[in-house]
Amino acid sequence: MILDRTPLNLNEVEKTIKNIPENQKKEGIENYLKKFLKTKNEQAKKIKESMEKLDLLKVKREHIVKIIDLLPSDASDLNKIFSDISLNEDETNKILEIVKNNK
């Protein structure tokens, strides 16, 4: 049953599934997380807080989640996340600086 449609980064998913009883689906999710989880909880929190402090209107919760999960290292990687909108150079540099400082 869907209770909420809030985008979650992989760290938040990891916390959420701890409350689910063991089954085959949970095992599949855990295997996926082991393969693709790149950040620690502290890193994810710092990036999220820093992104929210920027208060950029173009940056939505979905974008922040993808930035945390993918940790873009340059403007081309970041533009793949923001395919629906375009960021100016200043916005791009601020976001990349946050990611760089929290790696």
Protein backbone atom coordinates (compact mmCIF):
# COMPACT_ATOMS: atom_id res chain seq x y z
CA MET A 1 0.00 0.00 0.00
CA ILE A 2 1.33 3.44 -0.92
CA LEU A 3 1.26 5.80 2.04
CA ASP A 4 3.28 8.70 0.68
CA ARG A 5 4.83 9.70 -2.64
CA THR A 6 7.92 11.49 -1.34
CA PRO A 7 11.15 10.87 -3.28
CA LEU A 8 13.77 9.15 -1.12
CA ASN A 9 17.49 8.89 -1.64
CA LEU A 10 19.05 5.45 -1.25
CA ASN A 11 20.15 6.18 2.34
CA GLU A 12 16.55 6.95 3.30
CA VAL A 13 15.40 3.76 1.56
CA GLU A 14 17.93 1.79 3.59
CA LYS A 15 16.53 3.22 6.85
CA THR A 16 12.94 2.59 5.74
CA ILE A 17 13.37 -1.08 4.83
CA LYS A 18 14.83 -1.92 8.25
CA ASN A 19 11.24 -1.87 9.56
CA ILE A 20 10.00 -4.36 6.94
CA PRO A 21 9.89 -8.06 7.83
CA GLU A 22 12.31 -10.36 5.99
CA ASN A 23 11.11 -11.58 2.60
CA GLN A 24 12.37 -12.02 -0.94
CA LYS A 25 11.57 -8.44 -1.99
CA LYS A 26 13.46 -6.99 0.96
CA GLU A 27 16.47 -9.13 0.08
CA GLY A 28 16.35 -7.81 -3.50
CA ILE A 29 16.24 -4.21 -2.28
CA GLU A 30 19.18 -4.83 0.07
CA ASN A 31 21.22 -6.31 -2.77
CA TYR A 32 20.42 -3.29 -4.93
CA LEU A 33 21.49 -0.92 -2.15
CA LYS A 34 24.78 -2.78 -1.64
CA LYS A 35 25.51 -2.37 -5.33
CA PHE A 36 24.53 1.28 -5.83
CA LEU A 37 24.68 3.08 -2.47
CA LYS A 38 27.58 5.56 -2.71
CA THR A 39 27.10 7.79 0.32
CA LYS A 40 27.01 7.40 4.05
CA ASN A 41 24.06 8.75 6.04
CA GLU A 42 26.06 11.75 7.29
CA GLN A 43 27.15 12.67 3.77
CA ALA A 44 23.61 12.43 2.45
CA LYS A 45 22.27 14.63 5.25
CA LYS A 46 24.95 17.27 4.69
CA ILE A 47 24.36 17.39 0.94
CA LYS A 48 20.60 17.58 1.42
CA GLU A 49 20.85 20.38 4.01
CA SER A 50 23.32 22.34 1.89
CA MET A 51 21.16 22.00 -1.22
CA GLU A 52 18.09 23.18 0.69
CA LYS A 53 20.03 26.19 2.03
CA LEU A 54 20.82 27.26 -1.55
CA ASP A 55 17.09 27.84 -1.96
CA LEU A 56 17.18 27.55 -5.75
CA LEU A 57 13.70 27.56 -7.24
CA LYS A 58 14.71 25.25 -10.09
CA VAL A 59 16.00 22.55 -7.74
CA LYS A 60 13.21 20.27 -6.54
CA ARG A 61 13.23 17.43 -4.02
CA GLU A 62 13.55 14.88 -6.85
CA HIS A 63 16.71 16.60 -8.10
CA ILE A 64 18.28 16.66 -4.63
CA VAL A 65 17.60 12.92 -4.23
CA LYS A 66 19.32 12.16 -7.56
CA ILE A 67 22.28 14.41 -6.72
CA ILE A 68 22.77 12.49 -3.46
CA ASP A 69 22.46 9.11 -5.19
CA LEU A 70 24.65 9.87 -8.21
CA LEU A 71 27.17 12.40 -6.83
CA PRO A 72 27.80 14.21 -10.14
CA SER A 73 31.41 15.28 -10.60
CA ASP A 74 31.07 17.72 -13.50
CA ALA A 75 28.53 19.87 -15.34
CA SER A 76 27.70 17.19 -17.92
CA ASP A 77 26.79 14.70 -15.17
CA LEU A 78 24.70 17.34 -13.45
CA ASN A 79 22.90 18.24 -16.68
CA LYS A 80 21.77 14.62 -16.99
CA ILE A 81 19.90 15.02 -13.70
CA PHE A 82 18.42 18.36 -14.78
CA SER A 83 17.35 17.26 -18.25
CA ASP A 84 13.96 18.98 -17.92
CA ILE A 85 15.38 22.42 -17.00
CA SER A 86 18.61 24.29 -17.58
CA LEU A 87 20.81 25.62 -14.84
CA ASN A 88 23.00 28.65 -15.30
CA GLU A 89 26.72 28.41 -14.68
CA ASP A 90 26.51 29.90 -11.19
CA GLU A 91 23.85 27.40 -10.06
CA THR A 92 25.81 24.52 -11.56
CA ASN A 93 29.01 25.57 -9.80
CA LYS A 94 27.26 25.93 -6.43
CA ILE A 95 25.75 22.46 -6.66
CA LEU A 96 29.01 20.85 -7.79
CA GLU A 97 30.87 22.60 -4.96
CA ILE A 98 28.45 21.14 -2.42
CA VAL A 99 28.93 17.64 -3.82
CA LYS A 100 32.71 18.05 -3.97
CA ASN A 101 32.93 19.26 -0.36
CA ASN A 102 30.84 16.35 0.93
CA LYS A 103 32.46 13.44 -0.91
